[in-house]
Amino acid sequence: MPRYEFRCRACGATFEVSRPMSEAAAPASCPDGHGDTVKLLSTVAVTGRGGVTPSAPVAPAGGGGCCGGGGCC
């Protein structure tokens, strides 16, 4: 389930709410009970390859030239 980050305009607290995407635009109350909140734009960082196999073969190291350093260029 997606998590949405909010900030309370009254007290400045930042908090997260887990809810279905169908309720993404619904308002959220601050944990301290304030109702004046704003939804923040969250960033997502993806690192590593995560086991993804490249679709094209990877050129061998040591390169140079259009043919990988074979001396034909």
C-alpha atoms as a PDB file:
ATOM      1  CA  MET A   1       0.000   0.000   0.000  1.00  0.00           C
ATOM      2  CA  PRO A   2       1.434   3.430  -0.907  1.00  0.00           C
ATOM      3  CA  ARG A   3       2.644   5.790   1.798  1.00  0.00           C
ATOM      4  CA  TYR A   4       1.976   9.499   1.541  1.00  0.00           C
ATOM      5  CA  GLU A   5       3.911  12.154   3.441  1.00  0.00           C
ATOM      6  CA  PHE A   6       2.140  15.178   4.936  1.00  0.00           C
ATOM      7  CA  ARG A   7       3.202  18.296   6.857  1.00  0.00           C
ATOM      8  CA  CYS A   8       1.032  20.073   9.395  1.00  0.00           C
ATOM      9  CA  ARG A   9       0.805  23.821   8.786  1.00  0.00           C
ATOM     10  CA  ALA A  10      -0.172  24.456  12.410  1.00  0.00           C
ATOM     11  CA  CYS A  11       2.670  22.688  14.250  1.00  0.00           C
ATOM     12  CA  GLY A  12       5.139  21.818  11.454  1.00  0.00           C
ATOM     13  CA  ALA A  13       5.072  18.077  12.152  1.00  0.00           C
ATOM     14  CA  THR A  14       5.805  15.754   9.226  1.00  0.00           C
ATOM     15  CA  PHE A  15       4.005  12.398   9.160  1.00  0.00           C
ATOM     16  CA  GLU A  16       3.170   9.523   6.820  1.00  0.00           C
ATOM     17  CA  VAL A  17      -0.168   7.912   6.031  1.00  0.00           C
ATOM     18  CA  SER A  18      -0.604   4.505   4.352  1.00  0.00           C
ATOM     19  CA  ARG A  19      -3.711   4.353   2.195  1.00  0.00           C
ATOM     20  CA  PRO A  20      -4.902   2.969  -1.145  1.00  0.00           C
ATOM     21  CA  MET A  21      -4.161   5.002  -4.275  1.00  0.00           C
ATOM     22  CA  SER A  22      -7.892   5.605  -4.668  1.00  0.00           C
ATOM     23  CA  GLU A  23      -7.704   7.741  -1.481  1.00  0.00           C
ATOM     24  CA  ALA A  24      -4.492   9.598  -2.419  1.00  0.00           C
ATOM     25  CA  ALA A  25      -6.207  13.004  -2.650  1.00  0.00           C
ATOM     26  CA  ALA A  26      -8.119  12.675   0.638  1.00  0.00           C
ATOM     27  CA  PRO A  27      -7.094  15.097   3.421  1.00  0.00           C
ATOM     28  CA  ALA A  28      -5.175  13.810   6.437  1.00  0.00           C
ATOM     29  CA  SER A  29      -5.234  15.100  10.008  1.00  0.00           C
ATOM     30  CA  CYS A  30      -2.042  15.717  11.953  1.00  0.00           C
ATOM     31  CA  PRO A  31      -1.294  13.160  14.716  1.00  0.00           C
ATOM     32  CA  ASP A  32      -1.777  16.067  17.173  1.00  0.00           C
ATOM     33  CA  GLY A  33      -5.287  16.653  15.818  1.00  0.00           C
ATOM     34  CA  HIS A  34      -4.702  19.641  13.540  1.00  0.00           C
ATOM     35  CA  GLY A  35      -6.603  19.560  10.256  1.00  0.00           C
ATOM     36  CA  ASP A  36      -4.556  22.076   8.239  1.00  0.00           C
ATOM     37  CA  THR A  37      -2.106  19.757   6.460  1.00  0.00           C
ATOM     38  CA  VAL A  38      -0.463  19.645   3.052  1.00  0.00           C
ATOM     39  CA  LYS A  39       0.637  16.567   1.093  1.00  0.00           C
ATOM     40  CA  LEU A  40       4.358  16.617   0.285  1.00  0.00           C
ATOM     41  CA  LEU A  41       6.002  15.422  -2.900  1.00  0.00           C
ATOM     42  CA  SER A  42       8.146  12.444  -2.010  1.00  0.00           C
ATOM     43  CA  THR A  43      11.219  11.300  -3.881  1.00  0.00           C
ATOM     44  CA  VAL A  44      12.151   7.713  -4.489  1.00  0.00           C
ATOM     45  CA  ALA A  45      15.745   6.587  -4.818  1.00  0.00           C
ATOM     46  CA  VAL A  46      16.468   3.364  -6.649  1.00  0.00           C
ATOM     47  CA  THR A  47      19.988   2.059  -6.468  1.00  0.00           C
ATOM     48  CA  GLY A  48      21.717  -1.046  -7.692  1.00  0.00           C
ATOM     49  CA  ARG A  49      20.621  -3.361 -10.433  1.00  0.00           C
ATOM     50  CA  GLY A  50      18.100  -5.325  -8.422  1.00  0.00           C
ATOM     51  CA  GLY A  51      18.747  -8.517 -10.348  1.00  0.00           C
ATOM     52  CA  VAL A  52      17.736  -7.021 -13.681  1.00  0.00           C
ATOM     53  CA  THR A  53      19.432  -8.693 -16.628  1.00  0.00           C
ATOM     54  CA  PRO A  54      20.478  -6.304 -19.397  1.00  0.00           C
ATOM     55  CA  SER A  55      18.631  -6.814 -22.689  1.00  0.00           C
ATOM     56  CA  ALA A  56      21.714  -6.196 -24.839  1.00  0.00           C
ATOM     57  CA  PRO A  57      25.093  -7.870 -24.415  1.00  0.00           C
ATOM     58  CA  VAL A  58      27.649  -5.861 -22.486  1.00  0.00           C
ATOM     59  CA  ALA A  59      30.826  -4.944 -24.391  1.00  0.00           C
ATOM     60  CA  PRO A  60      34.000  -6.434 -22.941  1.00  0.00           C
ATOM     61  CA  ALA A  61      36.368  -4.129 -21.069  1.00  0.00           C
ATOM     62  CA  GLY A  62      39.610  -2.973 -22.622  1.00  0.00           C
ATOM     63  CA  GLY A  63      37.753  -1.390 -25.564  1.00  0.00           C
ATOM     64  CA  GLY A  64      38.835   1.235 -28.013  1.00  0.00           C
ATOM     65  CA  GLY A  65      37.506   1.705 -31.517  1.00  0.00           C
ATOM     66  CA  CYS A  66      34.209   0.536 -32.961  1.00  0.00           C
ATOM     67  CA  CYS A  67      35.035  -3.143 -32.669  1.00  0.00           C
ATOM     68  CA  GLY A  68      36.293  -3.239 -29.106  1.00  0.00           C
ATOM     69  CA  GLY A  69      39.985  -2.707 -29.798  1.00  0.00           C
ATOM     70  CA  GLY A  70      40.507  -5.527 -32.298  1.00  0.00           C
ATOM     71  CA  GLY A  71      42.734  -3.329 -34.446  1.00  0.00           C
ATOM     72  CA  CYS A  72      40.451  -3.204 -37.477  1.00  0.00           C
ATOM     73  CA  CYS A  73      39.797   0.539 -37.249  1.00  0.00           C
END
